[in-house]
Amino acid sequence: LGYAALAGYAVYKATENPDHPVVQRGLKQAATIASATKGGDDMEKRDEYLYAVSVAIQLMAAVDSVKYQPELNTMLDYLKDRQRSDGGFGYKYSVQFGDRGDTSQTQYAVLGLW
């Protein structure tokens, strides 16, 4: 979940070529991720989805933040909705983690919001 977006982001940062095939695959996946954040998709109800959203934001913002502004706004709203009352982020759907934040989820969310 989000692997193509992560690879696309890495290749874009290394090449600054938005037309690179790996970047294009990543952007396609990022668009799918953005669409799923609108709800009605089971993918959005998985805890690891927060990681995918954060990486998709980073890729789209790096490539063209103006062109992808609607998708970015949708994903930023998703992250804001996932933020906990204590300011952190955590595993919302996994009962074994209880009611506490998670360093990894918080790190990815902050990178996406940054």
PDB file of N, CA and C in Angstrom:
ATOM      1  N   LEU A   1       0.844  -1.169   0.000  1.00  0.00           N
ATOM      2  CA  LEU A   1       0.000   0.000   0.000  1.00  0.00           C
ATOM      3  C   LEU A   1       0.893   1.236   0.000  1.00  0.00           C
ATOM      4  N   GLY A   2       0.953   1.932  -1.109  1.00  0.00           N
ATOM      5  CA  GLY A   2       1.766   3.140  -1.190  1.00  0.00           C
ATOM      6  C   GLY A   2       3.187   2.919  -1.680  1.00  0.00           C
ATOM      7  N   TYR A   3       3.524   1.667  -2.020  1.00  0.00           N
ATOM      8  CA  TYR A   3       4.898   1.375  -2.423  1.00  0.00           C
ATOM      9  C   TYR A   3       5.289   2.091  -3.713  1.00  0.00           C
ATOM     10  N   ALA A   4       4.391   2.143  -4.666  1.00  0.00           N
ATOM     11  CA  ALA A   4       4.702   2.828  -5.929  1.00  0.00           C
ATOM     12  C   ALA A   4       4.869   4.326  -5.700  1.00  0.00           C
ATOM     13  N   ALA A   5       4.068   4.897  -4.804  1.00  0.00           N
ATOM     14  CA  ALA A   5       4.199   6.326  -4.486  1.00  0.00           C
ATOM     15  C   ALA A   5       5.540   6.598  -3.813  1.00  0.00           C
ATOM     16  N   LEU A   6       5.959   5.713  -2.924  1.00  0.00           N
ATOM     17  CA  LEU A   6       7.247   5.870  -2.253  1.00  0.00           C
ATOM     18  C   LEU A   6       8.392   5.766  -3.257  1.00  0.00           C
ATOM     19  N   ALA A   7       8.333   4.780  -4.137  1.00  0.00           N
ATOM     20  CA  ALA A   7       9.366   4.632  -5.162  1.00  0.00           C
ATOM     21  C   ALA A   7       9.363   5.846  -6.094  1.00  0.00           C
ATOM     22  N   GLY A   8       8.184   6.311  -6.470  1.00  0.00           N
ATOM     23  CA  GLY A   8       8.079   7.492  -7.333  1.00  0.00           C
ATOM     24  C   GLY A   8       8.685   8.718  -6.678  1.00  0.00           C
ATOM     25  N   TYR A   9       8.446   8.878  -5.388  1.00  0.00           N
ATOM     26  CA  TYR A   9       8.999  10.018  -4.660  1.00  0.00           C
ATOM     27  C   TYR A   9      10.525   9.940  -4.632  1.00  0.00           C
ATOM     28  N   ALA A  10      11.063   8.768  -4.359  1.00  0.00           N
ATOM     29  CA  ALA A  10      12.518   8.596  -4.312  1.00  0.00           C
ATOM     30  C   ALA A  10      13.150   8.896  -5.671  1.00  0.00           C
ATOM     31  N   VAL A  11      12.554   8.368  -6.730  1.00  0.00           N
ATOM     32  CA  VAL A  11      13.099   8.599  -8.074  1.00  0.00           C
ATOM     33  C   VAL A  11      12.962  10.064  -8.450  1.00  0.00           C
ATOM     34  N   TYR A  12      11.840  10.677  -8.116  1.00  0.00           N
ATOM     35  CA  TYR A  12      11.676  12.096  -8.439  1.00  0.00           C
ATOM     36  C   TYR A  12      12.716  12.947  -7.720  1.00  0.00           C
ATOM     37  N   LYS A  13      12.946  12.684  -6.445  1.00  0.00           N
ATOM     38  CA  LYS A  13      13.931  13.462  -5.694  1.00  0.00           C
ATOM     39  C   LYS A  13      15.337  13.267  -6.258  1.00  0.00           C
ATOM     40  N   ALA A  14      15.611  12.089  -6.807  1.00  0.00           N
ATOM     41  CA  ALA A  14      16.935  11.812  -7.377  1.00  0.00           C
ATOM     42  C   ALA A  14      17.097  12.390  -8.775  1.00  0.00           C
ATOM     43  N   THR A  15      16.015  12.430  -9.554  1.00  0.00           N
ATOM     44  CA  THR A  15      16.123  12.823 -10.962  1.00  0.00           C
ATOM     45  C   THR A  15      15.443  14.144 -11.298  1.00  0.00           C
ATOM     46  N   GLU A  16      14.474  14.555 -10.486  1.00  0.00           N
ATOM     47  CA  GLU A  16      13.623  15.711 -10.767  1.00  0.00           C
ATOM     48  C   GLU A  16      12.956  15.609 -12.136  1.00  0.00           C
ATOM     49  N   ASN A  17      12.662  14.373 -12.532  1.00  0.00           N
ATOM     50  CA  ASN A  17      12.022  14.105 -13.819  1.00  0.00           C
ATOM     51  C   ASN A  17      10.605  13.583 -13.571  1.00  0.00           C
ATOM     52  N   PRO A  18       9.605  14.446 -13.717  1.00  0.00           N
ATOM     53  CA  PRO A  18       8.230  13.996 -13.475  1.00  0.00           C
ATOM     54  C   PRO A  18       7.720  13.002 -14.519  1.00  0.00           C
ATOM     55  N   ASP A  19       8.409  12.891 -15.651  1.00  0.00           N
ATOM     56  CA  ASP A  19       7.975  11.981 -16.705  1.00  0.00           C
ATOM     57  C   ASP A  19       8.601  10.594 -16.591  1.00  0.00           C
ATOM     58  N   HIS A  20       9.485  10.408 -15.626  1.00  0.00           N
ATOM     59  CA  HIS A  20      10.103   9.094 -15.426  1.00  0.00           C
ATOM     60  C   HIS A  20       8.992   8.069 -15.165  1.00  0.00           C
ATOM     61  N   PRO A  21       9.091   6.878 -15.774  1.00  0.00           N
ATOM     62  CA  PRO A  21       8.017   5.878 -15.610  1.00  0.00           C
ATOM     63  C   PRO A  21       7.725   5.513 -14.155  1.00  0.00           C
ATOM     64  N   VAL A  22       8.734   5.453 -13.311  1.00  0.00           N
ATOM     65  CA  VAL A  22       8.513   5.130 -11.903  1.00  0.00           C
ATOM     66  C   VAL A  22       7.755   6.265 -11.210  1.00  0.00           C
ATOM     67  N   VAL A  23       8.067   7.489 -11.557  1.00  0.00           N
ATOM     68  CA  VAL A  23       7.366   8.645 -11.001  1.00  0.00           C
ATOM     69  C   VAL A  23       5.912   8.638 -11.473  1.00  0.00           C
ATOM     70  N   GLN A  24       5.703   8.347 -12.741  1.00  0.00           N
ATOM     71  CA  GLN A  24       4.339   8.306 -13.277  1.00  0.00           C
ATOM     72  C   GLN A  24       3.498   7.215 -12.612  1.00  0.00           C
ATOM     73  N   ARG A  25       4.104   6.038 -12.373  1.00  0.00           N
ATOM     74  CA  ARG A  25       3.385   4.975 -11.653  1.00  0.00           C
ATOM     75  C   ARG A  25       3.039   5.432 -10.236  1.00  0.00           C
ATOM     76  N   GLY A  26       3.987   6.103  -9.611  1.00  0.00           N
ATOM     77  CA  GLY A  26       3.748   6.617  -8.267  1.00  0.00           C
ATOM     78  C   GLY A  26       2.628   7.636  -8.235  1.00  0.00           C
ATOM     79  N   LEU A  27       2.608   8.530  -9.211  1.00  0.00           N
ATOM     80  CA  LEU A  27       1.549   9.536  -9.283  1.00  0.00           C
ATOM     81  C   LEU A  27       0.182   8.897  -9.522  1.00  0.00           C
ATOM     82  N   LYS A  28       0.156   7.843 -10.321  1.00  0.00           N
ATOM     83  CA  LYS A  28      -1.103   7.134 -10.563  1.00  0.00           C
ATOM     84  C   LYS A  28      -1.603   6.514  -9.258  1.00  0.00           C
ATOM     85  N   GLN A  29      -0.694   5.897  -8.512  1.00  0.00           N
ATOM     86  CA  GLN A  29      -1.097   5.317  -7.233  1.00  0.00           C
ATOM     87  C   GLN A  29      -1.499   6.409  -6.240  1.00  0.00           C
ATOM     88  N   ALA A  30      -0.773   7.518  -6.243  1.00  0.00           N
ATOM     89  CA  ALA A  30      -1.101   8.632  -5.345  1.00  0.00           C
ATOM     90  C   ALA A  30      -2.510   9.160  -5.632  1.00  0.00           C
ATOM     91  N   ALA A  31      -2.885   9.215  -6.899  1.00  0.00           N
ATOM     92  CA  ALA A  31      -4.237   9.664  -7.260  1.00  0.00           C
ATOM     93  C   ALA A  31      -5.288   8.682  -6.745  1.00  0.00           C
ATOM     94  N   THR A  32      -4.993   7.394  -6.819  1.00  0.00           N
ATOM     95  CA  THR A  32      -5.899   6.373  -6.293  1.00  0.00           C
ATOM     96  C   THR A  32      -6.039   6.509  -4.784  1.00  0.00           C
ATOM     97  N   ILE A  33      -4.928   6.744  -4.110  1.00  0.00           N
ATOM     98  CA  ILE A  33      -4.934   6.928  -2.660  1.00  0.00           C
ATOM     99  C   ILE A  33      -5.757   8.163  -2.293  1.00  0.00           C
ATOM    100  N   ALA A  34      -5.551   9.251  -3.020  1.00  0.00           N
ATOM    101  CA  ALA A  34      -6.304  10.482  -2.753  1.00  0.00           C
ATOM    102  C   ALA A  34      -7.799  10.246  -2.934  1.00  0.00           C
ATOM    103  N   SER A  35      -8.166   9.518  -3.961  1.00  0.00           N
ATOM    104  CA  SER A  35      -9.571   9.235  -4.223  1.00  0.00           C
ATOM    105  C   SER A  35     -10.188   8.407  -3.096  1.00  0.00           C
ATOM    106  N   ALA A  36      -9.425   7.463  -2.568  1.00  0.00           N
ATOM    107  CA  ALA A  36      -9.931   6.594  -1.502  1.00  0.00           C
ATOM    108  C   ALA A  36     -10.127   7.346  -0.194  1.00  0.00           C
ATOM    109  N   THR A  37      -9.412   8.454   0.003  1.00  0.00           N
ATOM    110  CA  THR A  37      -9.565   9.197   1.252  1.00  0.00           C
ATOM    111  C   THR A  37     -10.924   9.885   1.347  1.00  0.00           C
ATOM    112  N   LYS A  38     -11.643   9.950   0.256  1.00  0.00           N
ATOM    113  CA  LYS A  38     -12.965  10.573   0.269  1.00  0.00           C
ATOM    114  C   LYS A  38     -13.996   9.681   0.943  1.00  0.00           C
ATOM    115  N   GLY A  39     -13.594   8.463   1.258  1.00  0.00           N
ATOM    116  CA  GLY A  39     -14.494   7.535   1.945  1.00  0.00           C
ATOM    117  C   GLY A  39     -15.129   6.553   0.988  1.00  0.00           C
ATOM    118  N   GLY A  40     -15.797   5.591   1.563  1.00  0.00           N
ATOM    119  CA  GLY A  40     -16.474   4.588   0.758  1.00  0.00           C
ATOM    120  C   GLY A  40     -15.530   3.531   0.210  1.00  0.00           C
ATOM    121  N   ASP A  41     -14.305   3.486   0.705  1.00  0.00           N
ATOM    122  CA  ASP A  41     -13.321   2.534   0.221  1.00  0.00           C
ATOM    123  C   ASP A  41     -12.737   1.819   1.439  1.00  0.00           C
ATOM    124  N   ASP A  42     -12.713   0.502   1.415  1.00  0.00           N
ATOM    125  CA  ASP A  42     -12.187  -0.253   2.543  1.00  0.00           C
ATOM    126  C   ASP A  42     -10.700  -0.002   2.773  1.00  0.00           C
ATOM    127  N   MET A  43      -9.973   0.378   1.723  1.00  0.00           N
ATOM    128  CA  MET A  43      -8.553   0.658   1.868  1.00  0.00           C
ATOM    129  C   MET A  43      -8.330   1.766   2.892  1.00  0.00           C
ATOM    130  N   GLU A  44      -9.203   2.739   2.916  1.00  0.00           N
ATOM    131  CA  GLU A  44      -9.086   3.882   3.817  1.00  0.00           C
ATOM    132  C   GLU A  44      -9.254   3.473   5.283  1.00  0.00           C
ATOM    133  N   LYS A  45      -9.825   2.304   5.520  1.00  0.00           N
ATOM    134  CA  LYS A  45     -10.059   1.852   6.886  1.00  0.00           C
ATOM    135  C   LYS A  45      -8.953   0.935   7.391  1.00  0.00           C
ATOM    136  N   ARG A  46      -7.808   0.953   6.760  1.00  0.00           N
ATOM    137  CA  ARG A  46      -6.662   0.164   7.214  1.00  0.00           C
ATOM    138  C   ARG A  46      -5.660   1.114   7.869  1.00  0.00           C
ATOM    139  N   ASP A  47      -5.107   0.698   8.983  1.00  0.00           N
ATOM    140  CA  ASP A  47      -4.189   1.569   9.714  1.00  0.00           C
ATOM    141  C   ASP A  47      -2.960   1.956   8.908  1.00  0.00           C
ATOM    142  N   GLU A  48      -2.468   1.053   8.085  1.00  0.00           N
ATOM    143  CA  GLU A  48      -1.277   1.375   7.299  1.00  0.00           C
ATOM    144  C   GLU A  48      -1.578   2.384   6.185  1.00  0.00           C
ATOM    145  N   TYR A  49      -2.848   2.677   5.973  1.00  0.00           N
ATOM    146  CA  TYR A  49      -3.235   3.651   4.956  1.00  0.00           C
ATOM    147  C   TYR A  49      -2.662   5.035   5.253  1.00  0.00           C
ATOM    148  N   LEU A  50      -2.491   5.359   6.535  1.00  0.00           N
ATOM    149  CA  LEU A  50      -1.910   6.646   6.908  1.00  0.00           C
ATOM    150  C   LEU A  50      -0.524   6.813   6.287  1.00  0.00           C
ATOM    151  N   TYR A  51       0.256   5.731   6.256  1.00  0.00           N
ATOM    152  CA  TYR A  51       1.579   5.784   5.646  1.00  0.00           C
ATOM    153  C   TYR A  51       1.476   6.088   4.151  1.00  0.00           C
ATOM    154  N   ALA A  52       0.554   5.419   3.483  1.00  0.00           N
ATOM    155  CA  ALA A  52       0.379   5.618   2.042  1.00  0.00           C
ATOM    156  C   ALA A  52      -0.049   7.049   1.729  1.00  0.00           C
ATOM    157  N   VAL A  53      -0.970   7.584   2.515  1.00  0.00           N
ATOM    158  CA  VAL A  53      -1.428   8.960   2.311  1.00  0.00           C
ATOM    159  C   VAL A  53      -0.265   9.933   2.466  1.00  0.00           C
ATOM    160  N   SER A  54       0.524   9.741   3.489  1.00  0.00           N
ATOM    161  CA  SER A  54       1.643  10.647   3.756  1.00  0.00           C
ATOM    162  C   SER A  54       2.667  10.637   2.628  1.00  0.00           C
ATOM    163  N   VAL A  55       2.973   9.462   2.115  1.00  0.00           N
ATOM    164  CA  VAL A  55       3.937   9.371   1.010  1.00  0.00           C
ATOM    165  C   VAL A  55       3.336   9.946  -0.268  1.00  0.00           C
ATOM    166  N   ALA A  56       2.050   9.693  -0.513  1.00  0.00           N
ATOM    167  CA  ALA A  56       1.385  10.248  -1.698  1.00  0.00           C
ATOM    168  C   ALA A  56       1.408  11.776  -1.657  1.00  0.00           C
ATOM    169  N   ILE A  57       1.184  12.348  -0.481  1.00  0.00           N
ATOM    170  CA  ILE A  57       1.251  13.807  -0.337  1.00  0.00           C
ATOM    171  C   ILE A  57       2.641  14.313  -0.697  1.00  0.00           C
ATOM    172  N   GLN A  58       3.655  13.665  -0.171  1.00  0.00           N
ATOM    173  CA  GLN A  58       5.025  14.112  -0.433  1.00  0.00           C
ATOM    174  C   GLN A  58       5.350  14.068  -1.927  1.00  0.00           C
ATOM    175  N   LEU A  59       4.931  12.997  -2.605  1.00  0.00           N
ATOM    176  CA  LEU A  59       5.194  12.875  -4.037  1.00  0.00           C
ATOM    177  C   LEU A  59       4.468  13.961  -4.825  1.00  0.00           C
ATOM    178  N   MET A  60       3.171  14.099  -4.617  1.00  0.00           N
ATOM    179  CA  MET A  60       2.401  15.075  -5.390  1.00  0.00           C
ATOM    180  C   MET A  60       2.854  16.502  -5.109  1.00  0.00           C
ATOM    181  N   ALA A  61       3.157  16.804  -3.869  1.00  0.00           N
ATOM    182  CA  ALA A  61       3.617  18.156  -3.526  1.00  0.00           C
ATOM    183  C   ALA A  61       4.965  18.448  -4.160  1.00  0.00           C
ATOM    184  N   ALA A  62       5.836  17.451  -4.229  1.00  0.00           N
ATOM    185  CA  ALA A  62       7.159  17.656  -4.828  1.00  0.00           C
ATOM    186  C   ALA A  62       7.065  17.842  -6.338  1.00  0.00           C
ATOM    187  N   VAL A  63       6.220  17.063  -6.986  1.00  0.00           N
ATOM    188  CA  VAL A  63       6.124  17.114  -8.453  1.00  0.00           C
ATOM    189  C   VAL A  63       5.427  18.385  -8.914  1.00  0.00           C
ATOM    190  N   ASP A  64       4.258  18.701  -8.343  1.00  0.00           N
ATOM    191  CA  ASP A  64       3.533  19.900  -8.776  1.00  0.00           C
ATOM    192  C   ASP A  64       2.392  20.189  -7.794  1.00  0.00           C
ATOM    193  N   SER A  65       2.695  20.963  -6.780  1.00  0.00           N
ATOM    194  CA  SER A  65       1.704  21.216  -5.730  1.00  0.00           C
ATOM    195  C   SER A  65       0.493  22.006  -6.228  1.00  0.00           C
ATOM    196  N   VAL A  66       0.654  22.769  -7.281  1.00  0.00           N
ATOM    197  CA  VAL A  66      -0.481  23.521  -7.829  1.00  0.00           C
ATOM    198  C   VAL A  66      -1.407  22.580  -8.597  1.00  0.00           C
ATOM    199  N   LYS A  67      -0.838  21.782  -9.470  1.00  0.00           N
ATOM    200  CA  LYS A  67      -1.623  20.849 -10.280  1.00  0.00           C
ATOM    201  C   LYS A  67      -2.398  19.855  -9.408  1.00  0.00           C
ATOM    202  N   TYR A  68      -1.757  19.394  -8.352  1.00  0.00           N
ATOM    203  CA  TYR A  68      -2.358  18.363  -7.503  1.00  0.00           C
ATOM    204  C   TYR A  68      -3.021  18.934  -6.247  1.00  0.00           C
ATOM    205  N   GLN A  69      -3.296  20.220  -6.224  1.00  0.00           N
ATOM    206  CA  GLN A  69      -3.873  20.847  -5.034  1.00  0.00           C
ATOM    207  C   GLN A  69      -5.170  20.197  -4.557  1.00  0.00           C
ATOM    208  N   PRO A  70      -6.107  19.855  -5.438  1.00  0.00           N
ATOM    209  CA  PRO A  70      -7.336  19.209  -4.945  1.00  0.00           C
ATOM    210  C   PRO A  70      -7.051  17.873  -4.234  1.00  0.00           C
ATOM    211  N   GLU A  71      -6.182  17.055  -4.818  1.00  0.00           N
ATOM    212  CA  GLU A  71      -5.828  15.777  -4.207  1.00  0.00           C
ATOM    213  C   GLU A  71      -5.095  16.003  -2.886  1.00  0.00           C
ATOM    214  N   LEU A  72      -4.198  16.965  -2.882  1.00  0.00           N
ATOM    215  CA  LEU A  72      -3.453  17.270  -1.659  1.00  0.00           C
ATOM    216  C   LEU A  72      -4.392  17.722  -0.550  1.00  0.00           C
ATOM    217  N   ASN A  73      -5.334  18.581  -0.868  1.00  0.00           N
ATOM    218  CA  ASN A  73      -6.291  19.052   0.143  1.00  0.00           C
ATOM    219  C   ASN A  73      -7.117  17.898   0.711  1.00  0.00           C
ATOM    220  N   THR A  74      -7.537  16.990  -0.155  1.00  0.00           N
ATOM    221  CA  THR A  74      -8.311  15.829   0.284  1.00  0.00           C
ATOM    222  C   THR A  74      -7.501  14.975   1.251  1.00  0.00           C
ATOM    223  N   MET A  75      -6.238  14.730   0.906  1.00  0.00           N
ATOM    224  CA  MET A  75      -5.401  13.881   1.768  1.00  0.00           C
ATOM    225  C   MET A  75      -5.012  14.604   3.055  1.00  0.00           C
ATOM    226  N   LEU A  76      -4.791  15.906   2.982  1.00  0.00           N
ATOM    227  CA  LEU A  76      -4.491  16.665   4.201  1.00  0.00           C
ATOM    228  C   LEU A  76      -5.679  16.647   5.156  1.00  0.00           C
ATOM    229  N   ASP A  77      -6.887  16.754   4.610  1.00  0.00           N
ATOM    230  CA  ASP A  77      -8.087  16.660   5.444  1.00  0.00           C
ATOM    231  C   ASP A  77      -8.162  15.292   6.124  1.00  0.00           C
ATOM    232  N   TYR A  78      -7.824  14.241   5.397  1.00  0.00           N
ATOM    233  CA  TYR A  78      -7.804  12.892   5.970  1.00  0.00           C
ATOM    234  C   TYR A  78      -6.841  12.837   7.157  1.00  0.00           C
ATOM    235  N   LEU A  79      -5.637  13.371   6.982  1.00  0.00           N
ATOM    236  CA  LEU A  79      -4.664  13.351   8.077  1.00  0.00           C
ATOM    237  C   LEU A  79      -5.168  14.145   9.278  1.00  0.00           C
ATOM    238  N   LYS A  80      -5.745  15.292   9.013  1.00  0.00           N
ATOM    239  CA  LYS A  80      -6.278  16.098  10.121  1.00  0.00           C
ATOM    240  C   LYS A  80      -7.371  15.345  10.877  1.00  0.00           C
ATOM    241  N   ASP A  81      -8.205  14.600  10.149  1.00  0.00           N
ATOM    242  CA  ASP A  81      -9.261  13.817  10.783  1.00  0.00           C
ATOM    243  C   ASP A  81      -8.696  12.648  11.596  1.00  0.00           C
ATOM    244  N   ARG A  82      -7.538  12.149  11.202  1.00  0.00           N
ATOM    245  CA  ARG A  82      -6.914  11.024  11.913  1.00  0.00           C
ATOM    246  C   ARG A  82      -6.111  11.463  13.132  1.00  0.00           C
ATOM    247  N   GLN A  83      -5.868  12.758  13.266  1.00  0.00           N
ATOM    248  CA  GLN A  83      -5.058  13.223  14.396  1.00  0.00           C
ATOM    249  C   GLN A  83      -5.811  13.021  15.708  1.00  0.00           C
ATOM    250  N   ARG A  84      -5.074  12.567  16.692  1.00  0.00           N
ATOM    251  CA  ARG A  84      -5.639  12.297  18.010  1.00  0.00           C
ATOM    252  C   ARG A  84      -5.765  13.586  18.822  1.00  0.00           C
ATOM    253  N   SER A  85      -6.549  13.549  19.855  1.00  0.00           N
ATOM    254  CA  SER A  85      -6.749  14.739  20.683  1.00  0.00           C
ATOM    255  C   SER A  85      -5.463  15.180  21.387  1.00  0.00           C
ATOM    256  N   ASP A  86      -4.519  14.251  21.574  1.00  0.00           N
ATOM    257  CA  ASP A  86      -3.248  14.613  22.210  1.00  0.00           C
ATOM    258  C   ASP A  86      -2.221  15.145  21.203  1.00  0.00           C
ATOM    259  N   GLY A  87      -2.616  15.261  19.935  1.00  0.00           N
ATOM    260  CA  GLY A  87      -1.746  15.807  18.906  1.00  0.00           C
ATOM    261  C   GLY A  87      -1.023  14.770  18.078  1.00  0.00           C
ATOM    262  N   GLY A  88      -0.956  13.545  18.550  1.00  0.00           N
ATOM    263  CA  GLY A  88      -0.257  12.482  17.832  1.00  0.00           C
ATOM    264  C   GLY A  88      -1.166  11.760  16.854  1.00  0.00           C
ATOM    265  N   PHE A  89      -0.626  10.703  16.290  1.00  0.00           N
ATOM    266  CA  PHE A  89      -1.356   9.833  15.364  1.00  0.00           C
ATOM    267  C   PHE A  89      -1.137   8.410  15.834  1.00  0.00           C
ATOM    268  N   GLY A  90      -2.087   7.543  15.580  1.00  0.00           N
ATOM    269  CA  GLY A  90      -1.934   6.169  16.016  1.00  0.00           C
ATOM    270  C   GLY A  90      -2.776   5.222  15.195  1.00  0.00           C
ATOM    271  N   TYR A  91      -2.758   3.981  15.629  1.00  0.00           N
ATOM    272  CA  TYR A  91      -3.494   2.922  14.946  1.00  0.00           C
ATOM    273  C   TYR A  91      -4.954   2.965  15.366  1.00  0.00           C
ATOM    274  N   LYS A  92      -5.741   3.595  14.565  1.00  0.00           N
ATOM    275  CA  LYS A  92      -7.159   3.831  14.866  1.00  0.00           C
ATOM    276  C   LYS A  92      -7.985   2.543  14.836  1.00  0.00           C
ATOM    277  N   TYR A  93      -7.645   1.606  13.975  1.00  0.00           N
ATOM    278  CA  TYR A  93      -8.476   0.432  13.755  1.00  0.00           C
ATOM    279  C   TYR A  93      -7.929  -0.837  14.402  1.00  0.00           C
ATOM    280  N   SER A  94      -6.780  -0.776  15.050  1.00  0.00           N
ATOM    281  CA  SER A  94      -6.181  -1.955  15.673  1.00  0.00           C
ATOM    282  C   SER A  94      -6.376  -1.893  17.181  1.00  0.00           C
ATOM    283  N   VAL A  95      -7.224  -2.754  17.694  1.00  0.00           N
ATOM    284  CA  VAL A  95      -7.552  -2.707  19.120  1.00  0.00           C
ATOM    285  C   VAL A  95      -6.367  -3.057  20.015  1.00  0.00           C
ATOM    286  N   GLN A  96      -5.392  -3.809  19.496  1.00  0.00           N
ATOM    287  CA  GLN A  96      -4.274  -4.203  20.344  1.00  0.00           C
ATOM    288  C   GLN A  96      -3.395  -3.015  20.743  1.00  0.00           C
ATOM    289  N   PHE A  97      -3.501  -1.906  20.053  1.00  0.00           N
ATOM    290  CA  PHE A  97      -2.703  -0.733  20.392  1.00  0.00           C
ATOM    291  C   PHE A  97      -3.421   0.197  21.364  1.00  0.00           C
ATOM    292  N   GLY A  98      -4.684  -0.065  21.579  1.00  0.00           N
ATOM    293  CA  GLY A  98      -5.436   0.733  22.550  1.00  0.00           C
ATOM    294  C   GLY A  98      -5.540   2.192  22.158  1.00  0.00           C
ATOM    295  N   ASP A  99      -5.604   3.014  23.168  1.00  0.00           N
ATOM    296  CA  ASP A  99      -5.828   4.444  22.961  1.00  0.00           C
ATOM    297  C   ASP A  99      -4.534   5.231  23.163  1.00  0.00           C
ATOM    298  N   ARG A 100      -3.544   4.921  22.353  1.00  0.00           N
ATOM    299  CA  ARG A 100      -2.282   5.645  22.463  1.00  0.00           C
ATOM    300  C   ARG A 100      -1.725   5.947  21.075  1.00  0.00           C
ATOM    301  N   GLY A 101      -0.883   6.941  21.017  1.00  0.00           N
ATOM    302  CA  GLY A 101      -0.259   7.311  19.762  1.00  0.00           C
ATOM    303  C   GLY A 101       0.863   6.368  19.393  1.00  0.00           C
ATOM    304  N   ASP A 102       1.351   6.526  18.182  1.00  0.00           N
ATOM    305  CA  ASP A 102       2.431   5.693  17.677  1.00  0.00           C
ATOM    306  C   ASP A 102       3.474   6.595  17.035  1.00  0.00           C
ATOM    307  N   THR A 103       4.727   6.409  17.391  1.00  0.00           N
ATOM    308  CA  THR A 103       5.800   7.261  16.882  1.00  0.00           C
ATOM    309  C   THR A 103       5.911   7.195  15.364  1.00  0.00           C
ATOM    310  N   SER A 104       5.838   6.008  14.807  1.00  0.00           N
ATOM    311  CA  SER A 104       5.979   5.847  13.362  1.00  0.00           C
ATOM    312  C   SER A 104       4.828   6.514  12.605  1.00  0.00           C
ATOM    313  N   GLN A 105       3.601   6.286  13.064  1.00  0.00           N
ATOM    314  CA  GLN A 105       2.452   6.912  12.408  1.00  0.00           C
ATOM    315  C   GLN A 105       2.535   8.431  12.524  1.00  0.00           C
ATOM    316  N   THR A 106       2.927   8.912  13.689  1.00  0.00           N
ATOM    317  CA  THR A 106       3.052  10.358  13.890  1.00  0.00           C
ATOM    318  C   THR A 106       4.124  10.937  12.981  1.00  0.00           C
ATOM    319  N   GLN A 107       5.256  10.246  12.856  1.00  0.00           N
ATOM    320  CA  GLN A 107       6.344  10.720  11.993  1.00  0.00           C
ATOM    321  C   GLN A 107       5.875  10.846  10.546  1.00  0.00           C
ATOM    322  N   TYR A 108       5.231   9.824  10.034  1.00  0.00           N
ATOM    323  CA  TYR A 108       4.776   9.869   8.637  1.00  0.00           C
ATOM    324  C   TYR A 108       3.727  10.961   8.436  1.00  0.00           C
ATOM    325  N   ALA A 109       2.800  11.063   9.384  1.00  0.00           N
ATOM    326  CA  ALA A 109       1.760  12.087   9.256  1.00  0.00           C
ATOM    327  C   ALA A 109       2.374  13.480   9.248  1.00  0.00           C
ATOM    328  N   VAL A 110       3.336  13.727  10.132  1.00  0.00           N
ATOM    329  CA  VAL A 110       3.976  15.033  10.187  1.00  0.00           C
ATOM    330  C   VAL A 110       4.735  15.314   8.895  1.00  0.00           C
ATOM    331  N   LEU A 111       5.401  14.318   8.342  1.00  0.00           N
ATOM    332  CA  LEU A 111       6.085  14.522   7.052  1.00  0.00           C
ATOM    333  C   LEU A 111       5.083  14.879   5.958  1.00  0.00           C
ATOM    334  N   GLY A 112       3.916  14.246   5.977  1.00  0.00           N
ATOM    335  CA  GLY A 112       2.882  14.576   4.997  1.00  0.00           C
ATOM    336  C   GLY A 112       2.335  15.986   5.204  1.00  0.00           C
ATOM    337  N   LEU A 113       2.165  16.375   6.450  1.00  0.00           N
ATOM    338  CA  LEU A 113       1.643  17.715   6.743  1.00  0.00           C
ATOM    339  C   LEU A 113       2.673  18.794   6.501  1.00  0.00           C
ATOM    340  N   TRP A 114       3.925  18.454   6.590  1.00  0.00           N
ATOM    341  CA  TRP A 114       5.015  19.414   6.438  1.00  0.00           C
ATOM    342  C   TRP A 114       5.080  19.885   5.024  1.00  0.00           C
TER     343      TRP A 114
END
